[in-house]
Amino acid sequence: MSSDTSIKLNVNGSERTVEADPASSLLGVLRNQLGLTGTRYGCGANQCGACHVLIEGQAVAACDTPLWAAAGKNIVTVEGLGTPERPHPLQRAFIAEQACQCGYCLSGVLISAAALLKRNPNPSEVEVRAALDRNLCRCGAHNRIVRAVQRAAKEAL
């Protein structure tokens, strides 16, 4: 007997219906059913930030968010931040500052930075570092990432 249920999600501005167990992780549904693979699986325990998505404007770990908790809410993945034709200011700034190295953590970093800039359009360096504290990057691009977030903030003003 399957426990799958029809669940409506609003992802990147589009209403989507999925058939899944309501207890499934949002991350699994985004990646495996909706094909939104920009959101990464990192640790699976809400410890690294690679899987962050925006839910109602807040950066949330999709790996430990059950599907039922996201139903009917506005979800934005890294694919929803911008397009190749019209990149988000953060995406432009990250390219300009060469703030990406391997890119594995980047989708979560961009999402966390977008949440920060939404609530604080002109953050200090300390505020940027605090907002990205839950996003682990092993490449050592931290200083470039902080500069990119501050650059995006200045460009958006």
C-alpha atoms as a PDB file:
ATOM      1  CA  MET A   1       0.000   0.000   0.000  1.00  0.00           C
ATOM      2  CA  SER A   2       1.465   3.335  -1.074  1.00  0.00           C
ATOM      3  CA  SER A   3       1.297   6.396   1.143  1.00  0.00           C
ATOM      4  CA  ASP A   4       1.738   8.741  -1.836  1.00  0.00           C
ATOM      5  CA  THR A   5      -0.546  11.757  -1.945  1.00  0.00           C
ATOM      6  CA  SER A   6      -1.122  14.508  -4.479  1.00  0.00           C
ATOM      7  CA  ILE A   7       0.644  17.604  -3.144  1.00  0.00           C
ATOM      8  CA  LYS A   8       0.622  21.053  -4.728  1.00  0.00           C
ATOM      9  CA  LEU A   9       3.804  23.077  -4.612  1.00  0.00           C
ATOM     10  CA  ASN A  10       4.518  26.583  -5.878  1.00  0.00           C
ATOM     11  CA  VAL A  11       8.083  26.308  -7.159  1.00  0.00           C
ATOM     12  CA  ASN A  12       9.842  29.190  -8.874  1.00  0.00           C
ATOM     13  CA  GLY A  13       6.514  30.839  -9.594  1.00  0.00           C
ATOM     14  CA  SER A  14       4.827  27.772 -11.125  1.00  0.00           C
ATOM     15  CA  GLU A  15       2.261  25.566  -9.486  1.00  0.00           C
ATOM     16  CA  ARG A  16       3.350  21.947  -9.615  1.00  0.00           C
ATOM     17  CA  THR A  17       1.566  18.827  -8.398  1.00  0.00           C
ATOM     18  CA  VAL A  18       3.593  15.844  -7.245  1.00  0.00           C
ATOM     19  CA  GLU A  19       2.634  12.379  -6.105  1.00  0.00           C
ATOM     20  CA  ALA A  20       4.723  11.618  -3.052  1.00  0.00           C
ATOM     21  CA  ASP A  21       4.716  10.568   0.550  1.00  0.00           C
ATOM     22  CA  PRO A  22       4.055  13.781   2.526  1.00  0.00           C
ATOM     23  CA  ALA A  23       6.962  12.821   4.803  1.00  0.00           C
ATOM     24  CA  SER A  24       9.418  12.767   1.861  1.00  0.00           C
ATOM     25  CA  SER A  25      12.135  15.372   1.938  1.00  0.00           C
ATOM     26  CA  LEU A  26      11.504  18.461  -0.125  1.00  0.00           C
ATOM     27  CA  LEU A  27      15.016  18.050  -1.527  1.00  0.00           C
ATOM     28  CA  GLY A  28      14.256  14.589  -2.907  1.00  0.00           C
ATOM     29  CA  VAL A  29      11.084  15.790  -4.611  1.00  0.00           C
ATOM     30  CA  LEU A  30      12.762  18.891  -6.078  1.00  0.00           C
ATOM     31  CA  ARG A  31      15.645  16.896  -7.499  1.00  0.00           C
ATOM     32  CA  ASN A  32      14.058  13.563  -8.399  1.00  0.00           C
ATOM     33  CA  GLN A  33      10.524  14.480  -9.433  1.00  0.00           C
ATOM     34  CA  LEU A  34      10.811  18.075 -10.608  1.00  0.00           C
ATOM     35  CA  GLY A  35      14.308  17.826 -12.093  1.00  0.00           C
ATOM     36  CA  LEU A  36      15.589  20.868 -10.196  1.00  0.00           C
ATOM     37  CA  THR A  37      19.081  19.555  -9.570  1.00  0.00           C
ATOM     38  CA  GLY A  38      20.680  22.924  -8.797  1.00  0.00           C
ATOM     39  CA  THR A  39      19.741  22.363  -5.165  1.00  0.00           C
ATOM     40  CA  ARG A  40      22.450  20.030  -3.875  1.00  0.00           C
ATOM     41  CA  TYR A  41      22.401  17.110  -1.483  1.00  0.00           C
ATOM     42  CA  GLY A  42      25.230  17.754   0.960  1.00  0.00           C
ATOM     43  CA  CYS A  43      25.082  16.200   4.403  1.00  0.00           C
ATOM     44  CA  GLY A  44      21.389  15.307   4.622  1.00  0.00           C
ATOM     45  CA  ALA A  45      21.307  16.556   8.215  1.00  0.00           C
ATOM     46  CA  ASN A  46      20.815  20.348   7.920  1.00  0.00           C
ATOM     47  CA  GLN A  47      24.468  20.970   8.737  1.00  0.00           C
ATOM     48  CA  CYS A  48      26.062  22.227   5.502  1.00  0.00           C
ATOM     49  CA  GLY A  49      23.632  24.537   3.658  1.00  0.00           C
ATOM     50  CA  ALA A  50      24.121  22.985   0.209  1.00  0.00           C
ATOM     51  CA  CYS A  51      20.392  22.231  -0.020  1.00  0.00           C
ATOM     52  CA  HIS A  52      19.037  25.630   0.993  1.00  0.00           C
ATOM     53  CA  VAL A  53      15.946  26.894  -0.808  1.00  0.00           C
ATOM     54  CA  LEU A  54      13.741  29.860  -0.059  1.00  0.00           C
ATOM     55  CA  ILE A  55      10.378  29.063   1.494  1.00  0.00           C
ATOM     56  CA  GLU A  56       8.291  32.192   1.865  1.00  0.00           C
ATOM     57  CA  GLY A  57      11.523  34.194   1.609  1.00  0.00           C
ATOM     58  CA  GLN A  58      13.419  32.314   4.334  1.00  0.00           C
ATOM     59  CA  ALA A  59      16.492  30.157   3.631  1.00  0.00           C
ATOM     60  CA  VAL A  60      15.548  26.621   4.675  1.00  0.00           C
ATOM     61  CA  ALA A  61      17.369  23.288   4.461  1.00  0.00           C
ATOM     62  CA  ALA A  62      15.386  21.226   1.948  1.00  0.00           C
ATOM     63  CA  CYS A  63      17.054  17.991   3.071  1.00  0.00           C
ATOM     64  CA  ASP A  64      15.161  17.895   6.368  1.00  0.00           C
ATOM     65  CA  THR A  65      12.027  19.780   5.347  1.00  0.00           C
ATOM     66  CA  PRO A  66       9.180  17.317   4.906  1.00  0.00           C
ATOM     67  CA  LEU A  67       7.126  17.808   1.785  1.00  0.00           C
ATOM     68  CA  TRP A  68       3.955  18.481   3.780  1.00  0.00           C
ATOM     69  CA  ALA A  69       5.626  21.518   5.403  1.00  0.00           C
ATOM     70  CA  ALA A  70       6.249  23.107   1.992  1.00  0.00           C
ATOM     71  CA  ALA A  71       2.843  22.392   0.466  1.00  0.00           C
ATOM     72  CA  GLY A  72       1.119  25.540  -0.755  1.00  0.00           C
ATOM     73  CA  LYS A  73       4.067  27.790   0.122  1.00  0.00           C
ATOM     74  CA  ASN A  74       6.238  29.812  -2.248  1.00  0.00           C
ATOM     75  CA  ILE A  75       9.467  27.914  -2.873  1.00  0.00           C
ATOM     76  CA  VAL A  76      12.410  29.339  -4.801  1.00  0.00           C
ATOM     77  CA  THR A  77      15.358  27.201  -5.822  1.00  0.00           C
ATOM     78  CA  VAL A  78      18.593  28.477  -7.331  1.00  0.00           C
ATOM     79  CA  GLU A  79      17.023  27.918 -10.758  1.00  0.00           C
ATOM     80  CA  GLY A  80      14.375  30.472  -9.822  1.00  0.00           C
ATOM     81  CA  LEU A  81      16.773  33.272  -8.864  1.00  0.00           C
ATOM     82  CA  GLY A  82      17.594  34.352 -12.385  1.00  0.00           C
ATOM     83  CA  THR A  83      18.000  33.188 -15.955  1.00  0.00           C
ATOM     84  CA  PRO A  84      21.002  33.110 -18.276  1.00  0.00           C
ATOM     85  CA  GLU A  85      19.480  36.109 -20.056  1.00  0.00           C
ATOM     86  CA  ARG A  86      18.626  37.968 -16.842  1.00  0.00           C
ATOM     87  CA  PRO A  87      20.844  36.758 -14.017  1.00  0.00           C
ATOM     88  CA  HIS A  88      20.080  37.740 -10.452  1.00  0.00           C
ATOM     89  CA  PRO A  89      22.374  40.514  -9.105  1.00  0.00           C
ATOM     90  CA  LEU A  90      23.993  37.904  -6.854  1.00  0.00           C
ATOM     91  CA  GLN A  91      24.761  35.664  -9.810  1.00  0.00           C
ATOM     92  CA  ARG A  92      26.352  38.581 -11.689  1.00  0.00           C
ATOM     93  CA  ALA A  93      28.378  39.576  -8.629  1.00  0.00           C
ATOM     94  CA  PHE A  94      29.578  36.027  -7.978  1.00  0.00           C
ATOM     95  CA  ILE A  95      30.862  35.835 -11.545  1.00  0.00           C
ATOM     96  CA  ALA A  96      32.505  39.256 -11.355  1.00  0.00           C
ATOM     97  CA  GLU A  97      34.216  38.447  -8.052  1.00  0.00           C
ATOM     98  CA  GLN A  98      35.133  34.903  -9.161  1.00  0.00           C
ATOM     99  CA  ALA A  99      33.442  33.714  -5.979  1.00  0.00           C
ATOM    100  CA  CYS A 100      32.869  30.165  -7.116  1.00  0.00           C
ATOM    101  CA  GLN A 101      35.360  27.404  -7.231  1.00  0.00           C
ATOM    102  CA  CYS A 102      33.941  23.875  -7.328  1.00  0.00           C
ATOM    103  CA  GLY A 103      30.380  25.235  -7.140  1.00  0.00           C
ATOM    104  CA  TYR A 104      28.958  22.480  -4.964  1.00  0.00           C
ATOM    105  CA  CYS A 105      27.946  24.775  -2.104  1.00  0.00           C
ATOM    106  CA  LEU A 106      27.106  27.666  -4.382  1.00  0.00           C
ATOM    107  CA  SER A 107      23.380  27.122  -4.842  1.00  0.00           C
ATOM    108  CA  GLY A 108      22.862  27.108  -1.086  1.00  0.00           C
ATOM    109  CA  VAL A 109      25.116  30.134  -0.636  1.00  0.00           C
ATOM    110  CA  LEU A 110      23.227  32.085  -3.305  1.00  0.00           C
ATOM    111  CA  ILE A 111      19.896  31.225  -1.685  1.00  0.00           C
ATOM    112  CA  SER A 112      21.107  32.226   1.789  1.00  0.00           C
ATOM    113  CA  ALA A 113      22.539  35.460   0.392  1.00  0.00           C
ATOM    114  CA  ALA A 114      19.265  36.206  -1.425  1.00  0.00           C
ATOM    115  CA  ALA A 115      17.355  35.773   1.843  1.00  0.00           C
ATOM    116  CA  LEU A 116      19.809  38.109   3.569  1.00  0.00           C
ATOM    117  CA  LEU A 117      19.521  40.827   0.913  1.00  0.00           C
ATOM    118  CA  LYS A 118      15.737  40.594   0.998  1.00  0.00           C
ATOM    119  CA  ARG A 119      15.641  41.362   4.725  1.00  0.00           C
ATOM    120  CA  ASN A 120      18.734  43.612   4.784  1.00  0.00           C
ATOM    121  CA  PRO A 121      19.530  45.282   1.458  1.00  0.00           C
ATOM    122  CA  ASN A 122      22.813  46.779   2.710  1.00  0.00           C
ATOM    123  CA  PRO A 123      24.495  44.267   5.041  1.00  0.00           C
ATOM    124  CA  SER A 124      27.880  44.823   6.647  1.00  0.00           C
ATOM    125  CA  GLU A 125      30.664  42.293   6.190  1.00  0.00           C
ATOM    126  CA  VAL A 126      29.910  40.910   9.663  1.00  0.00           C
ATOM    127  CA  GLU A 127      26.223  40.503   8.763  1.00  0.00           C
ATOM    128  CA  VAL A 128      27.086  38.713   5.509  1.00  0.00           C
ATOM    129  CA  ARG A 129      29.428  36.329   7.316  1.00  0.00           C
ATOM    130  CA  ALA A 130      26.791  35.629   9.974  1.00  0.00           C
ATOM    131  CA  ALA A 131      24.082  34.991   7.371  1.00  0.00           C
ATOM    132  CA  LEU A 132      26.324  32.533   5.518  1.00  0.00           C
ATOM    133  CA  ASP A 133      27.632  30.829   8.646  1.00  0.00           C
ATOM    134  CA  ARG A 134      25.479  27.737   8.019  1.00  0.00           C
ATOM    135  CA  ASN A 135      26.830  27.342   4.465  1.00  0.00           C
ATOM    136  CA  LEU A 136      29.989  25.264   4.405  1.00  0.00           C
ATOM    137  CA  CYS A 137      32.521  25.821   1.626  1.00  0.00           C
ATOM    138  CA  ARG A 138      35.663  23.732   1.536  1.00  0.00           C
ATOM    139  CA  CYS A 139      37.262  25.555  -1.406  1.00  0.00           C
ATOM    140  CA  GLY A 140      38.351  28.584   0.568  1.00  0.00           C
ATOM    141  CA  ALA A 141      36.327  31.091  -1.450  1.00  0.00           C
ATOM    142  CA  HIS A 142      34.835  32.694   1.678  1.00  0.00           C
ATOM    143  CA  ASN A 143      36.341  36.156   1.244  1.00  0.00           C
ATOM    144  CA  ARG A 144      35.358  36.312  -2.432  1.00  0.00           C
ATOM    145  CA  ILE A 145      31.843  35.146  -1.528  1.00  0.00           C
ATOM    146  CA  VAL A 146      31.483  37.925   1.050  1.00  0.00           C
ATOM    147  CA  ARG A 147      32.765  40.499  -1.476  1.00  0.00           C
ATOM    148  CA  ALA A 148      30.292  39.203  -4.062  1.00  0.00           C
ATOM    149  CA  VAL A 149      27.325  39.517  -1.686  1.00  0.00           C
ATOM    150  CA  GLN A 150      28.341  43.062  -0.786  1.00  0.00           C
ATOM    151  CA  ARG A 151      28.846  43.904  -4.472  1.00  0.00           C
ATOM    152  CA  ALA A 152      25.339  42.625  -5.284  1.00  0.00           C
ATOM    153  CA  ALA A 153      23.929  44.720  -2.450  1.00  0.00           C
ATOM    154  CA  LYS A 154      25.603  47.862  -3.810  1.00  0.00           C
ATOM    155  CA  GLU A 155      24.418  47.175  -7.361  1.00  0.00           C
ATOM    156  CA  ALA A 156      20.847  46.660  -6.191  1.00  0.00           C
ATOM    157  CA  LEU A 157      20.736  49.976  -4.284  1.00  0.00           C
END
